[in-house]
Every structure is written in C-alpha cells, then in structure tokens.
Amino acid sequence: LFVAAIVGFAGWMGKRTLEEAIAAEERTKVLAVDMAVTADLALGDALERIGTLANRLVEWSDFRIYRRVGEGAQRVYRNAGGAAGRSEPPADIELLRAEVLANGTDTLVKDANHDARITTPRAWAQSILILPLRFGDQVIGTLELEHTKRNVYGPQAQSLARTLATQISAAMHIANLREPLLQMVEQIGGEVRAVAKS
C-alpha cells in the first residue's frame, strides 16, 4: 500500500507537470499570435501569420475567415489542403454562417453525418465549428474550422478557437482603421506630386 501510494502520487505529480507544460506552450503560441496581430502588417499578411501559428493550437482540415459585408459575408482568408482546398463550402454551411452572423452565437457540428443541419456531408468536414468575430457588440465576421474526424472540437479546443477569434477580430479592426489612413496618405501624396509638377 505504501509503495502504491508513492507511485500514485508520483504519477499524479507527473500528470500535473505535463499539463502545466502543455498549458505554458499554448500560452506561448497565443502570445505569438498576439504579436502577429499588433505587428505593422497588411490584413492578408496578418491573417496568414495567424493561420500558420493557429495550426499549432487547433487542428483543422479547412480554416476560413469571413468578413461581414452588408447582409452577407466575404471570405478574406482560407488555409486548406487536399480535397477541402479544392471545393467551396456547400449551401448548408452558408446557412450556418448566416445564423452565426445574425445571432452572434457559436455553432458546433460534432458529427456531420448525423446532424440534421448538414444536408451535404463531406468526408473532410465531419466536425465543424463556426465562431462569430466580434468587435464590441458588433459581429464583423466568422471564423470557420472543419476537421476530418468527429467530435474533435471539445471544450478546450473551443476555448482556444475563441481566443483566436478575438485576435482575428482585433487584426481585422486594426486593418479597417488603417485602410482609410493609407488612402488619405496616398491621396495627399498624389496632390503633393501634382503641386510639385505645376
């Protein structure tokens, strides 16, 4: 009993140490994504960097970011390979996206083959997670993750994906603020050149 107690305690300590090491690694990767958001990059470059770093935090076969445009949404980034990258999401995903944009709530499909909302299941999209991108009270877009396996997006994966969604929202908002400024600088530069010519 004494030896079993010592072995049990050592196992518990080892498990706890391993969990803390994994959590520390995840925090380091989230910090790296934060740095990509705050870096002086164009939106496309920032999203590309976030997508690369995010692949170490959350698994997917298809990673998409949509920006709200009027009543619909426009894709601004996609990171997908294989069959997922060669085809566009079907109409049932568009309906789920519209629901997320309207309600501002997460949508999770644990098993696409046994979910009534998915009318055209795909082999590479068995698990689907769609999160709203928020800035303040506004939903400015969606983050969409798909995976080849069922029940991939548990509570921990959802928490990490929400952190990514917050960072992506910040990157998109910074880009929205920067675009008019860059246009104004370009316009002023053109006027200065015109004055210099005259």
C-alpha atoms as a PDB file:
ATOM      1  CA  LEU A   1       0.000   0.000   0.000  1.00  0.00           C
ATOM      2  CA  PHE A   2       2.847   2.363   0.856  1.00  0.00           C
ATOM      3  CA  VAL A   3       4.600   1.758  -2.489  1.00  0.00           C
ATOM      4  CA  ALA A   4       1.274   2.061  -4.362  1.00  0.00           C
ATOM      5  CA  ALA A   5       0.603   5.390  -2.635  1.00  0.00           C
ATOM      6  CA  ILE A   6       4.058   6.698  -3.601  1.00  0.00           C
ATOM      7  CA  VAL A   7       3.669   5.525  -7.213  1.00  0.00           C
ATOM      8  CA  GLY A   8       0.165   7.046  -7.392  1.00  0.00           C
ATOM      9  CA  PHE A   9       1.423  10.367  -6.013  1.00  0.00           C
ATOM     10  CA  ALA A  10       4.367  10.373  -8.444  1.00  0.00           C
ATOM     11  CA  GLY A  11       2.004   9.647 -11.339  1.00  0.00           C
ATOM     12  CA  TRP A  12      -0.339  12.462 -10.287  1.00  0.00           C
ATOM     13  CA  MET A  13       2.611  14.891  -9.994  1.00  0.00           C
ATOM     14  CA  GLY A  14       3.917  13.817 -13.416  1.00  0.00           C
ATOM     15  CA  LYS A  15       0.487  14.317 -14.991  1.00  0.00           C
ATOM     16  CA  ARG A  16       0.121  17.747 -13.372  1.00  0.00           C
ATOM     17  CA  THR A  17       3.603  18.808 -14.537  1.00  0.00           C
ATOM     18  CA  LEU A  18       2.840  17.652 -18.081  1.00  0.00           C
ATOM     19  CA  GLU A  19      -0.491  19.544 -18.141  1.00  0.00           C
ATOM     20  CA  GLU A  20       1.228  22.728 -16.923  1.00  0.00           C
ATOM     21  CA  ALA A  21       3.948  22.371 -19.559  1.00  0.00           C
ATOM     22  CA  ILE A  22       1.322  21.972 -22.304  1.00  0.00           C
ATOM     23  CA  ALA A  23      -0.612  24.997 -20.993  1.00  0.00           C
ATOM     24  CA  ALA A  24       2.598  27.077 -20.932  1.00  0.00           C
ATOM     25  CA  GLU A  25       3.334  26.080 -24.545  1.00  0.00           C
ATOM     26  CA  GLU A  26      -0.202  27.058 -25.570  1.00  0.00           C
ATOM     27  CA  ARG A  27       0.181  30.445 -23.836  1.00  0.00           C
ATOM     28  CA  THR A  28       3.458  30.995 -25.717  1.00  0.00           C
ATOM     29  CA  LYS A  29       1.741  30.280 -29.040  1.00  0.00           C
ATOM     30  CA  VAL A  30      -1.183  32.579 -28.174  1.00  0.00           C
ATOM     31  CA  LEU A  31       1.346  35.326 -27.356  1.00  0.00           C
ATOM     32  CA  ALA A  32       2.997  34.748 -30.754  1.00  0.00           C
ATOM     33  CA  VAL A  33      -0.423  35.224 -32.401  1.00  0.00           C
ATOM     34  CA  ASP A  34      -0.902  38.437 -30.370  1.00  0.00           C
ATOM     35  CA  MET A  35       2.405  39.719 -31.752  1.00  0.00           C
ATOM     36  CA  ALA A  36       1.230  38.941 -35.303  1.00  0.00           C
ATOM     37  CA  VAL A  37      -1.954  40.954 -34.658  1.00  0.00           C
ATOM     38  CA  THR A  38      -0.115  44.008 -33.358  1.00  0.00           C
ATOM     39  CA  ALA A  39       2.659  43.889 -35.984  1.00  0.00           C
ATOM     40  CA  ASP A  40       2.543  46.505 -38.732  1.00  0.00           C
ATOM     41  CA  LEU A  41       1.233  44.095 -41.384  1.00  0.00           C
ATOM     42  CA  ALA A  42      -1.455  44.259 -44.052  1.00  0.00           C
ATOM     43  CA  LEU A  43      -4.595  42.273 -43.220  1.00  0.00           C
ATOM     44  CA  GLY A  44      -3.739  39.424 -45.619  1.00  0.00           C
ATOM     45  CA  ASP A  45      -0.225  39.057 -44.167  1.00  0.00           C
ATOM     46  CA  ALA A  46      -1.508  39.235 -40.575  1.00  0.00           C
ATOM     47  CA  LEU A  47      -4.152  36.560 -41.259  1.00  0.00           C
ATOM     48  CA  GLU A  48      -1.570  34.351 -42.998  1.00  0.00           C
ATOM     49  CA  ARG A  49       0.696  34.600 -39.966  1.00  0.00           C
ATOM     50  CA  ILE A  50      -2.189  33.938 -37.567  1.00  0.00           C
ATOM     51  CA  GLY A  51      -3.244  30.921 -39.664  1.00  0.00           C
ATOM     52  CA  THR A  52       0.284  29.476 -39.526  1.00  0.00           C
ATOM     53  CA  LEU A  53       0.551  29.952 -35.764  1.00  0.00           C
ATOM     54  CA  ALA A  54      -3.012  28.800 -35.116  1.00  0.00           C
ATOM     55  CA  ASN A  55      -2.298  25.465 -36.795  1.00  0.00           C
ATOM     56  CA  ARG A  56      -0.140  24.613 -33.763  1.00  0.00           C
ATOM     57  CA  LEU A  57      -3.021  25.326 -31.363  1.00  0.00           C
ATOM     58  CA  VAL A  58      -6.115  23.891 -33.050  1.00  0.00           C
ATOM     59  CA  GLU A  59      -6.338  21.163 -35.700  1.00  0.00           C
ATOM     60  CA  TRP A  60      -8.318  21.540 -38.916  1.00  0.00           C
ATOM     61  CA  SER A  61      -8.639  20.378 -42.499  1.00  0.00           C
ATOM     62  CA  ASP A  62     -10.123  23.746 -43.535  1.00  0.00           C
ATOM     63  CA  PHE A  63      -9.656  27.132 -41.816  1.00  0.00           C
ATOM     64  CA  ARG A  64     -11.675  30.078 -43.187  1.00  0.00           C
ATOM     65  CA  ILE A  65     -12.220  33.687 -42.158  1.00  0.00           C
ATOM     66  CA  TYR A  66     -15.161  35.706 -43.474  1.00  0.00           C
ATOM     67  CA  ARG A  67     -15.785  39.435 -43.148  1.00  0.00           C
ATOM     68  CA  ARG A  68     -19.329  40.750 -42.883  1.00  0.00           C
ATOM     69  CA  VAL A  69     -20.317  42.757 -45.966  1.00  0.00           C
ATOM     70  CA  GLY A  70     -23.842  44.170 -45.776  1.00  0.00           C
ATOM     71  CA  GLU A  71     -26.195  41.261 -45.091  1.00  0.00           C
ATOM     72  CA  GLY A  72     -23.738  38.644 -46.341  1.00  0.00           C
ATOM     73  CA  ALA A  73     -20.111  37.678 -45.842  1.00  0.00           C
ATOM     74  CA  GLN A  74     -16.967  37.728 -47.975  1.00  0.00           C
ATOM     75  CA  ARG A  75     -14.071  35.325 -47.480  1.00  0.00           C
ATOM     76  CA  VAL A  76     -10.821  37.135 -46.660  1.00  0.00           C
ATOM     77  CA  TYR A  77      -8.619  34.141 -45.798  1.00  0.00           C
ATOM     78  CA  ARG A  78      -8.502  30.381 -46.277  1.00  0.00           C
ATOM     79  CA  ASN A  79      -5.974  27.751 -45.227  1.00  0.00           C
ATOM     80  CA  ALA A  80      -6.933  24.307 -46.508  1.00  0.00           C
ATOM     81  CA  GLY A  81      -5.277  21.400 -48.209  1.00  0.00           C
ATOM     82  CA  GLY A  82      -6.306  18.344 -50.186  1.00  0.00           C
ATOM     83  CA  ALA A  83      -9.929  17.964 -51.239  1.00  0.00           C
ATOM     84  CA  ALA A  84     -11.033  20.632 -48.750  1.00  0.00           C
ATOM     85  CA  GLY A  85      -8.964  23.288 -50.529  1.00  0.00           C
ATOM     86  CA  ARG A  86     -10.317  22.412 -53.981  1.00  0.00           C
ATOM     87  CA  SER A  87     -14.012  22.897 -53.229  1.00  0.00           C
ATOM     88  CA  GLU A  88     -16.174  25.663 -51.861  1.00  0.00           C
ATOM     89  CA  PRO A  89     -18.317  25.079 -48.751  1.00  0.00           C
ATOM     90  CA  PRO A  90     -21.868  23.946 -49.636  1.00  0.00           C
ATOM     91  CA  ALA A  91     -25.094  25.874 -49.057  1.00  0.00           C
ATOM     92  CA  ASP A  92     -25.732  24.299 -45.642  1.00  0.00           C
ATOM     93  CA  ILE A  93     -22.503  25.896 -44.328  1.00  0.00           C
ATOM     94  CA  GLU A  94     -23.670  29.249 -45.730  1.00  0.00           C
ATOM     95  CA  LEU A  95     -26.902  28.860 -43.739  1.00  0.00           C
ATOM     96  CA  LEU A  96     -24.939  28.103 -40.553  1.00  0.00           C
ATOM     97  CA  ARG A  97     -22.715  31.124 -41.245  1.00  0.00           C
ATOM     98  CA  ALA A  98     -25.748  33.367 -41.727  1.00  0.00           C
ATOM     99  CA  GLU A  99     -27.155  32.095 -38.423  1.00  0.00           C
ATOM    100  CA  VAL A 100     -23.900  32.888 -36.599  1.00  0.00           C
ATOM    101  CA  LEU A 101     -23.785  36.369 -38.156  1.00  0.00           C
ATOM    102  CA  ALA A 102     -27.414  37.021 -37.175  1.00  0.00           C
ATOM    103  CA  ASN A 103     -27.310  35.615 -33.619  1.00  0.00           C
ATOM    104  CA  GLY A 104     -23.667  36.104 -32.675  1.00  0.00           C
ATOM    105  CA  THR A 105     -23.518  32.607 -31.148  1.00  0.00           C
ATOM    106  CA  ASP A 106     -21.147  29.691 -31.738  1.00  0.00           C
ATOM    107  CA  THR A 107     -22.267  26.804 -33.943  1.00  0.00           C
ATOM    108  CA  LEU A 108     -20.803  23.337 -33.416  1.00  0.00           C
ATOM    109  CA  VAL A 109     -21.398  20.254 -35.554  1.00  0.00           C
ATOM    110  CA  LYS A 110     -19.932  17.206 -33.776  1.00  0.00           C
ATOM    111  CA  ASP A 111     -20.781  14.640 -36.468  1.00  0.00           C
ATOM    112  CA  ALA A 112     -21.790  15.934 -39.897  1.00  0.00           C
ATOM    113  CA  ASN A 113     -23.168  12.543 -40.964  1.00  0.00           C
ATOM    114  CA  HIS A 114     -25.710  12.563 -38.123  1.00  0.00           C
ATOM    115  CA  ASP A 115     -26.611  16.267 -37.922  1.00  0.00           C
ATOM    116  CA  ALA A 116     -29.906  17.395 -39.498  1.00  0.00           C
ATOM    117  CA  ARG A 117     -28.421  20.821 -40.328  1.00  0.00           C
ATOM    118  CA  ILE A 118     -25.840  19.267 -42.696  1.00  0.00           C
ATOM    119  CA  THR A 119     -27.577  18.219 -45.913  1.00  0.00           C
ATOM    120  CA  THR A 120     -24.391  17.569 -47.919  1.00  0.00           C
ATOM    121  CA  PRO A 121     -21.845  15.858 -45.631  1.00  0.00           C
ATOM    122  CA  ARG A 122     -18.229  15.804 -46.804  1.00  0.00           C
ATOM    123  CA  ALA A 123     -15.537  13.318 -45.790  1.00  0.00           C
ATOM    124  CA  TRP A 124     -13.083  16.087 -44.814  1.00  0.00           C
ATOM    125  CA  ALA A 125     -15.656  18.039 -42.743  1.00  0.00           C
ATOM    126  CA  GLN A 126     -17.004  15.701 -40.064  1.00  0.00           C
ATOM    127  CA  SER A 127     -16.519  18.247 -37.254  1.00  0.00           C
ATOM    128  CA  ILE A 128     -17.443  21.872 -37.946  1.00  0.00           C
ATOM    129  CA  LEU A 129     -17.006  24.877 -35.654  1.00  0.00           C
ATOM    130  CA  ILE A 130     -18.194  28.346 -36.669  1.00  0.00           C
ATOM    131  CA  LEU A 131     -17.449  31.246 -34.305  1.00  0.00           C
ATOM    132  CA  PRO A 132     -18.521  34.879 -34.568  1.00  0.00           C
ATOM    133  CA  LEU A 133     -15.799  37.506 -34.907  1.00  0.00           C
ATOM    134  CA  ARG A 134     -16.830  40.345 -32.614  1.00  0.00           C
ATOM    135  CA  PHE A 135     -15.680  43.864 -32.073  1.00  0.00           C
ATOM    136  CA  GLY A 136     -17.615  45.306 -29.156  1.00  0.00           C
ATOM    137  CA  ASP A 137     -21.275  44.421 -29.682  1.00  0.00           C
ATOM    138  CA  GLN A 138     -20.912  44.037 -33.443  1.00  0.00           C
ATOM    139  CA  VAL A 139     -20.374  40.736 -35.263  1.00  0.00           C
ATOM    140  CA  ILE A 140     -17.885  41.625 -38.003  1.00  0.00           C
ATOM    141  CA  GLY A 141     -17.364  38.145 -39.476  1.00  0.00           C
ATOM    142  CA  THR A 142     -16.870  34.439 -38.787  1.00  0.00           C
ATOM    143  CA  LEU A 143     -14.064  32.010 -38.082  1.00  0.00           C
ATOM    144  CA  GLU A 144     -14.795  28.554 -39.523  1.00  0.00           C
ATOM    145  CA  LEU A 145     -12.928  25.341 -38.710  1.00  0.00           C
ATOM    146  CA  GLU A 146     -13.552  21.916 -40.220  1.00  0.00           C
ATOM    147  CA  HIS A 147     -11.891  18.592 -39.371  1.00  0.00           C
ATOM    148  CA  THR A 148     -11.895  15.118 -40.904  1.00  0.00           C
ATOM    149  CA  LYS A 149     -12.641  13.421 -37.556  1.00  0.00           C
ATOM    150  CA  ARG A 150     -15.832  13.532 -35.498  1.00  0.00           C
ATOM    151  CA  ASN A 151     -16.082  15.182 -32.054  1.00  0.00           C
ATOM    152  CA  VAL A 152     -12.745  16.996 -32.413  1.00  0.00           C
ATOM    153  CA  TYR A 153     -13.804  20.370 -31.036  1.00  0.00           C
ATOM    154  CA  GLY A 154     -14.258  19.762 -27.330  1.00  0.00           C
ATOM    155  CA  PRO A 155     -14.328  22.466 -24.616  1.00  0.00           C
ATOM    156  CA  GLN A 156     -10.556  23.086 -24.665  1.00  0.00           C
ATOM    157  CA  ALA A 157     -10.369  23.341 -28.470  1.00  0.00           C
ATOM    158  CA  GLN A 158     -13.383  25.687 -28.449  1.00  0.00           C
ATOM    159  CA  SER A 159     -11.709  27.886 -25.827  1.00  0.00           C
ATOM    160  CA  LEU A 160      -8.535  28.134 -27.928  1.00  0.00           C
ATOM    161  CA  ALA A 161     -10.592  28.835 -31.062  1.00  0.00           C
ATOM    162  CA  ARG A 162     -12.438  31.648 -29.236  1.00  0.00           C
ATOM    163  CA  THR A 163      -9.074  33.169 -28.288  1.00  0.00           C
ATOM    164  CA  LEU A 164      -8.060  33.012 -31.953  1.00  0.00           C
ATOM    165  CA  ALA A 165     -11.384  34.588 -32.959  1.00  0.00           C
ATOM    166  CA  THR A 166     -10.743  37.502 -30.568  1.00  0.00           C
ATOM    167  CA  GLN A 167      -7.270  38.044 -32.023  1.00  0.00           C
ATOM    168  CA  ILE A 168      -8.537  37.819 -35.607  1.00  0.00           C
ATOM    169  CA  SER A 169     -11.260  40.359 -34.786  1.00  0.00           C
ATOM    170  CA  ALA A 170      -8.608  42.738 -33.456  1.00  0.00           C
ATOM    171  CA  ALA A 171      -6.470  42.280 -36.601  1.00  0.00           C
ATOM    172  CA  MET A 172      -9.476  42.972 -38.842  1.00  0.00           C
ATOM    173  CA  HIS A 173     -10.470  46.047 -36.836  1.00  0.00           C
ATOM    174  CA  ILE A 174      -6.911  47.424 -36.960  1.00  0.00           C
ATOM    175  CA  ALA A 175      -6.916  46.872 -40.743  1.00  0.00           C
ATOM    176  CA  ASN A 176     -10.287  48.662 -41.035  1.00  0.00           C
ATOM    177  CA  LEU A 177      -8.850  51.643 -39.159  1.00  0.00           C
ATOM    178  CA  ARG A 178      -5.632  51.609 -41.171  1.00  0.00           C
ATOM    179  CA  GLU A 179      -7.201  51.443 -44.661  1.00  0.00           C
ATOM    180  CA  PRO A 180      -8.744  54.973 -44.670  1.00  0.00           C
ATOM    181  CA  LEU A 181      -5.499  56.385 -43.273  1.00  0.00           C
ATOM    182  CA  LEU A 182      -3.442  54.743 -46.028  1.00  0.00           C
ATOM    183  CA  GLN A 183      -5.901  56.001 -48.662  1.00  0.00           C
ATOM    184  CA  MET A 184      -5.632  59.518 -47.266  1.00  0.00           C
ATOM    185  CA  VAL A 185      -1.820  59.366 -47.266  1.00  0.00           C
ATOM    186  CA  GLU A 186      -1.878  58.156 -50.888  1.00  0.00           C
ATOM    187  CA  GLN A 187      -4.290  60.938 -51.864  1.00  0.00           C
ATOM    188  CA  ILE A 188      -2.145  63.589 -50.164  1.00  0.00           C
ATOM    189  CA  GLY A 189       0.946  62.159 -51.881  1.00  0.00           C
ATOM    190  CA  GLY A 190      -0.803  62.443 -55.255  1.00  0.00           C
ATOM    191  CA  GLU A 191      -1.772  66.066 -54.557  1.00  0.00           C
ATOM    192  CA  VAL A 192       1.774  66.899 -53.477  1.00  0.00           C
ATOM    193  CA  ARG A 193       3.144  65.383 -56.697  1.00  0.00           C
ATOM    194  CA  ALA A 194       0.615  67.370 -58.737  1.00  0.00           C
ATOM    195  CA  VAL A 195       1.617  70.603 -56.964  1.00  0.00           C
ATOM    196  CA  ALA A 196       5.313  69.808 -57.492  1.00  0.00           C
ATOM    197  CA  LYS A 197       4.732  69.305 -61.248  1.00  0.00           C
ATOM    198  CA  SER A 198       2.858  72.564 -61.588  1.00  0.00           C
END
